[in-house]
Amino acid sequence: MRVHDSTVIIFDTKQSINRYYSWFGEFVLGFWRVYSTMLTTSPWSCLPFLSRYIFPLVDENQWRDAGIISRLMRAVDPSVSIETSSYWKDLIDLNRIVFKRVALINRATAETHPHSDSLIGGATNLDAEIGFWEPFRINVLHNMLGYIPAHGTKGSSLEEVGLPLGDPARKPIVIYFSRPGMERRRLSDEAHESLVFALRELEKEGIYELYIPDIEKISLSEQLELAAKTTIMLGVHGDELTHRLWMPSTRRSAVVEIFVPDGKTSCSLQEQV
C-alpha cells in the first residue's frame, strides 16, 4: 500500500509531545528548515505543507494541550492529519507500506548531535533561505486573525535582498510577557516592578510603544496579534516566548529571554527563524 504526499514520523513520548514549544519550536520548525533546503530551483513558497504527522509512541489525544497546538495546526492547514499509535498499529497490520515522502524525527538520536543537545540543534547547521518560515507564519496569522497586523516595515516583512530595516517613522513595538500568576519561571515581585518601571520610563521618552499583557488573561488570537506586530519581545524563559515564531523578520527584530542566574542557555530558537 502506498501513502501519498509528505509524512513526518516523530518518535517522541507523551512527556514533551503536548507542549507548544515542542510542537512548533522543535518538530515543525526543525523539519521545515530541513525540508526547505531540498529546493534548488523553486522558491520556498512553493513547498507543500505536510499531509500528516504520525506519533507511534503516543496514544490518541495525548498530543493535545489546552488548545494552542490543535488550533495552530489547523490554521496552518485545515486538512492536516495527526495520527497516533492506533494508526501506526493499523499500518503494521497491513505488513507493507510505501511512503511517497517521509521524514523521521527521533529526540534521543537528535540529542546526540556533536554540536547541540536539543532536538532541533542539528538543523542549525543547514543554510536556510531568508523567509523559509513565512508560509507557516502567514497561514497561521491569516487563518487565526483574518489579516496580517502592521509591524513597522515598508511592504512585507521580507525583501529580495534580505531583511528590511523597518520604517524609521514608526516606533518599534515592545512586548513584555509577564507571568504574575505563575509559581515557576517568573521574576520576583520586586524585579518585575523594577523592570516594568524602567520599560515605562523609556516609553515616556518616545523610544517605543509598549505592551505588557497578562498572557493568562488574553485569548490566543490576541496573543498572536500582539506577536505579529512586535519588534522586540521580552520575557522569562517559557513556552509563551515561542510566540516569537509569529513575529515579523526585520533587522530591528529581537528577543530578550530572561533566565535565572547560572541557568540553562537559550536554545537559539530565534536563530532558526
Protein backbone atom coordinates (compact mmCIF):
# COMPACT_ATOMS: atom_id res chain seq x y z
CA MET A 1 0.00 0.00 0.00
CA ARG A 2 1.24 3.48 -0.87
CA VAL A 3 0.86 6.51 1.40
CA HIS A 4 0.83 9.61 -0.78
CA ASP A 5 2.11 13.15 -0.19
CA SER A 6 4.51 14.04 2.63
CA THR A 7 4.62 12.43 6.06
CA VAL A 8 6.72 13.05 9.14
CA ILE A 9 7.04 10.29 11.75
CA ILE A 10 8.00 11.60 15.18
CA PHE A 11 9.40 9.22 17.76
CA ASP A 12 8.79 11.12 20.98
CA THR A 13 6.89 10.39 24.18
CA LYS A 14 3.97 12.00 25.96
CA GLN A 15 6.33 13.82 28.35
CA SER A 16 7.01 16.54 25.78
CA ILE A 17 4.55 15.89 22.98
CA ASN A 18 1.83 18.18 24.38
CA ARG A 19 3.99 21.29 24.71
CA TYR A 20 3.56 24.28 22.42
CA TYR A 21 7.34 24.76 22.15
CA SER A 22 8.00 21.09 21.35
CA TRP A 23 5.50 21.14 18.50
CA PHE A 24 6.33 24.41 16.79
CA GLY A 25 9.78 25.24 18.11
CA GLU A 26 11.17 21.73 17.54
CA PHE A 27 9.08 19.39 15.35
CA VAL A 28 7.55 21.81 12.85
CA LEU A 29 10.28 24.47 12.68
CA GLY A 30 13.11 21.94 12.61
CA PHE A 31 11.53 19.83 9.90
CA TRP A 32 10.54 22.83 7.76
CA ARG A 33 14.07 24.23 7.92
CA VAL A 34 15.48 20.92 6.69
CA TYR A 35 12.68 20.46 4.14
CA SER A 36 13.17 23.94 2.67
CA THR A 37 16.82 23.20 1.86
CA MET A 38 15.70 20.47 -0.55
CA LEU A 39 14.58 23.05 -3.11
CA THR A 40 17.25 24.14 -5.55
CA THR A 41 15.26 25.90 -8.29
CA SER A 42 11.87 26.78 -6.77
CA PRO A 43 11.22 29.36 -4.04
CA TRP A 44 10.38 28.19 -0.54
CA SER A 45 6.83 29.47 -1.03
CA CYS A 46 6.19 26.55 -3.44
CA LEU A 47 6.76 23.89 -0.78
CA PRO A 48 3.55 21.95 0.00
CA PHE A 49 2.62 21.61 3.64
CA LEU A 50 2.85 18.19 5.24
CA SER A 51 -0.17 15.95 4.86
CA ARG A 52 0.25 14.01 8.10
CA TYR A 53 2.16 13.78 11.37
CA ILE A 54 2.46 10.33 12.93
CA PHE A 55 3.35 9.72 16.60
CA PRO A 56 3.85 5.94 17.00
CA LEU A 57 4.61 6.16 20.74
CA VAL A 58 1.68 8.35 21.76
CA ASP A 59 -1.92 7.35 22.40
CA GLU A 60 -4.90 9.22 20.99
CA ASN A 61 -5.24 12.84 22.24
CA GLN A 62 -2.08 12.67 24.37
CA TRP A 63 -0.54 15.18 21.97
CA ARG A 64 -3.16 17.81 22.79
CA ASP A 65 -2.51 20.70 25.18
CA ALA A 66 -5.01 23.27 26.44
CA GLY A 67 -5.94 24.16 22.86
CA ILE A 68 -2.99 26.01 21.36
CA ILE A 69 -1.42 23.17 19.35
CA SER A 70 -4.60 21.92 17.69
CA ARG A 71 -5.83 25.39 16.69
CA LEU A 72 -2.50 26.46 15.24
CA MET A 73 -2.03 23.19 13.35
CA ARG A 74 -5.47 23.58 11.74
CA ALA A 75 -4.65 27.22 10.99
CA VAL A 76 -1.53 26.11 9.08
CA ASP A 77 -3.56 23.60 7.05
CA PRO A 78 -7.12 22.54 7.97
CA SER A 79 -6.68 19.22 6.14
CA VAL A 80 -3.60 18.08 8.07
CA SER A 81 -3.84 14.63 9.67
CA ILE A 82 -2.39 13.99 13.13
CA GLU A 83 -2.14 10.26 13.83
CA THR A 84 -1.09 8.28 16.89
CA SER A 85 -0.23 4.73 17.98
CA SER A 86 -3.54 3.16 16.85
CA TYR A 87 -2.95 4.38 13.28
CA TRP A 88 0.64 3.11 13.44
CA LYS A 89 -0.62 -0.31 14.55
CA ASP A 90 -3.00 -0.37 11.58
CA LEU A 91 -0.06 0.22 9.25
CA ILE A 92 1.90 -2.57 10.93
CA ASP A 93 -1.03 -4.96 10.43
CA LEU A 94 -1.04 -4.12 6.73
CA ASN A 95 2.50 -5.53 6.63
CA ARG A 96 3.98 -3.50 3.76
CA ILE A 97 3.71 0.29 3.46
CA VAL A 98 5.46 2.57 0.98
CA PHE A 99 5.59 6.28 1.85
CA LYS A 100 5.99 8.60 -1.12
CA ARG A 101 7.98 11.07 1.02
CA VAL A 102 8.74 10.59 4.69
CA ALA A 103 10.92 12.23 7.35
CA LEU A 104 11.88 10.66 10.67
CA ILE A 105 12.34 12.70 13.85
CA ASN A 106 13.81 11.00 16.91
CA ARG A 107 14.58 13.02 20.03
CA ALA A 108 17.02 10.51 21.51
CA THR A 109 19.07 10.46 18.32
CA ALA A 110 18.93 14.23 17.79
CA GLU A 111 20.24 14.89 21.29
CA THR A 112 23.45 13.00 20.47
CA HIS A 113 24.40 15.63 17.87
CA PRO A 114 28.02 16.73 18.48
CA HIS A 115 27.16 20.44 18.37
CA SER A 116 23.86 20.52 20.30
CA ASP A 117 21.92 18.52 22.86
CA SER A 118 18.49 19.72 21.67
CA LEU A 119 16.14 18.10 19.18
CA ILE A 120 16.39 21.00 16.76
CA GLY A 121 20.13 21.53 17.18
CA GLY A 122 21.22 19.70 14.02
CA ALA A 123 19.04 21.92 11.83
CA THR A 124 21.08 24.97 12.79
CA ASN A 125 23.95 23.72 10.63
CA LEU A 126 21.84 24.00 7.48
CA ASP A 127 21.77 27.19 5.43
CA ALA A 128 18.12 28.14 5.14
CA GLU A 129 16.91 30.86 2.79
CA ILE A 130 15.64 34.09 4.32
CA GLY A 131 11.89 33.78 4.57
CA PHE A 132 11.69 29.99 4.64
CA TRP A 133 9.31 30.20 7.65
CA GLU A 134 6.97 32.75 6.05
CA PRO A 135 4.47 30.20 4.62
CA PHE A 136 3.75 28.95 8.14
CA ARG A 137 3.67 32.42 9.69
CA ILE A 138 1.40 33.89 7.04
CA ASN A 139 -1.03 30.95 7.05
CA VAL A 140 -1.38 30.94 10.83
CA LEU A 141 -1.97 34.70 11.03
CA HIS A 142 -4.36 34.82 8.08
CA ASN A 143 -6.45 31.93 9.35
CA MET A 144 -6.41 32.93 13.03
CA LEU A 145 -6.82 36.69 12.62
CA GLY A 146 -8.09 37.22 9.09
CA TYR A 147 -5.29 39.69 8.34
CA ILE A 148 -1.56 40.35 8.86
CA PRO A 149 -1.02 43.08 11.52
CA ALA A 150 1.13 46.09 10.54
CA HIS A 151 4.57 45.87 12.07
CA GLY A 152 6.52 48.93 11.03
CA THR A 153 8.20 47.77 7.84
CA LYS A 154 7.82 49.08 4.33
CA GLY A 155 5.87 46.50 2.37
CA SER A 156 6.25 42.91 3.54
CA SER A 157 8.49 41.72 6.33
CA LEU A 158 11.00 40.39 3.80
CA GLU A 159 12.84 41.82 0.82
CA GLU A 160 14.66 40.08 -2.02
CA VAL A 161 18.00 41.44 -0.83
CA GLY A 162 17.48 40.38 2.78
CA LEU A 163 15.77 41.62 5.90
CA PRO A 164 14.42 45.19 5.85
CA LEU A 165 15.41 47.71 8.47
CA GLY A 166 11.83 48.74 9.12
CA ASP A 167 10.15 52.11 8.79
CA PRO A 168 12.05 54.65 10.97
CA ALA A 169 8.91 56.81 11.07
CA ARG A 170 7.08 54.12 13.05
CA LYS A 171 8.04 53.41 16.62
CA PRO A 172 9.26 49.91 17.47
CA ILE A 173 6.75 47.83 19.39
CA VAL A 174 7.99 46.16 22.57
CA ILE A 175 6.04 43.44 24.31
CA TYR A 176 6.84 42.07 27.75
CA PHE A 177 5.09 38.79 28.52
CA SER A 178 4.71 38.81 32.29
CA ARG A 179 3.82 35.78 34.39
CA PRO A 180 2.42 37.24 37.64
CA GLY A 181 0.23 34.26 38.46
CA MET A 182 2.83 31.57 37.81
CA GLU A 183 4.72 29.76 40.55
CA ARG A 184 7.67 28.83 38.33
CA ARG A 185 9.72 30.75 35.80
CA ARG A 186 8.76 34.22 36.90
CA LEU A 187 10.54 37.28 38.17
CA SER A 188 10.30 38.18 41.82
CA ASP A 189 7.71 40.88 42.52
CA GLU A 190 10.50 43.40 43.13
CA ALA A 191 12.34 42.53 39.92
CA HIS A 192 9.12 42.59 37.90
CA GLU A 193 8.11 46.00 39.23
CA SER A 194 11.60 47.42 38.59
CA LEU A 195 11.59 46.12 35.02
CA VAL A 196 8.11 47.49 34.30
CA PHE A 197 9.10 50.89 35.73
CA ALA A 198 12.21 51.05 33.52
CA LEU A 199 10.26 49.97 30.42
CA ARG A 200 7.57 52.59 31.01
CA GLU A 201 10.15 55.32 31.56
CA LEU A 202 11.65 54.59 28.15
CA GLU A 203 8.17 54.56 26.61
CA LYS A 204 7.56 58.05 28.06
CA GLU A 205 10.67 59.22 26.23
CA GLY A 206 9.01 58.18 22.98
CA ILE A 207 11.50 55.44 22.18
CA TYR A 208 8.93 52.70 21.56
CA GLU A 209 5.33 51.59 22.04
CA LEU A 210 4.97 49.19 24.98
CA TYR A 211 2.55 46.35 25.71
CA ILE A 212 2.56 44.33 28.93
CA PRO A 213 -0.24 41.75 28.64
CA ASP A 214 -1.08 39.13 31.23
CA ILE A 215 -0.87 36.12 28.96
CA GLU A 216 -3.21 34.15 31.23
CA LYS A 217 -6.00 36.68 30.64
CA ILE A 218 -5.95 37.24 26.87
CA SER A 219 -7.10 34.92 24.10
CA LEU A 220 -4.78 33.04 21.76
CA SER A 221 -5.85 35.30 18.89
CA GLU A 222 -4.94 38.37 20.93
CA GLN A 223 -1.55 36.85 21.76
CA LEU A 224 -0.84 36.17 18.09
CA GLU A 225 -1.98 39.64 17.09
CA LEU A 226 0.49 41.20 19.52
CA ALA A 227 3.33 38.89 18.46
CA ALA A 228 2.72 39.59 14.77
CA LYS A 229 3.39 43.30 15.16
CA THR A 230 6.15 43.06 17.77
CA THR A 231 9.64 44.41 17.15
CA ILE A 232 11.19 43.33 20.46
CA MET A 233 9.79 40.52 22.62
CA LEU A 234 10.82 40.26 26.25
CA GLY A 235 10.03 37.66 28.90
CA VAL A 236 11.16 34.96 31.27
CA HIS A 237 12.16 31.65 29.66
CA GLY A 238 8.91 29.77 28.99
CA ASP A 239 6.52 28.44 26.35
CA GLU A 240 4.91 31.83 25.65
CA LEU A 241 8.16 33.07 24.08
CA THR A 242 7.51 30.51 21.34
CA HIS A 243 5.24 33.28 20.02
CA ARG A 244 8.45 34.75 18.56
CA LEU A 245 7.71 32.44 15.61
CA TRP A 246 4.91 34.80 14.56
CA MET A 247 6.99 37.98 14.80
CA PRO A 248 7.95 39.72 11.55
CA SER A 249 11.55 39.22 10.46
CA THR A 250 13.33 42.57 10.23
CA ARG A 251 16.78 43.85 11.12
CA ARG A 252 15.21 45.58 14.12
CA SER A 253 13.66 42.40 15.50
CA ALA A 254 15.00 40.95 18.75
CA VAL A 255 14.02 38.61 21.57
CA VAL A 256 15.24 39.15 25.15
CA GLU A 257 14.87 35.88 27.07
CA ILE A 258 15.44 36.05 30.82
CA PHE A 259 17.00 33.10 32.66
CA VAL A 260 17.76 32.50 36.31
CA PRO A 261 21.43 33.16 37.23
CA ASP A 262 23.63 30.30 36.00
CA GLY A 263 20.58 28.75 34.37
CA LYS A 264 20.42 26.84 31.11
CA THR A 265 21.37 28.62 27.93
CA SER A 266 18.84 29.51 25.26
CA CYS A 267 18.09 27.01 22.52
CA SER A 268 18.51 29.83 19.96
CA LEU A 269 15.04 29.44 18.51
CA GLN A 270 15.26 32.93 17.04
CA GLU A 271 18.32 31.90 15.02
CA GLN A 272 16.21 29.21 13.35
CA VAL A 273 13.62 31.73 12.16
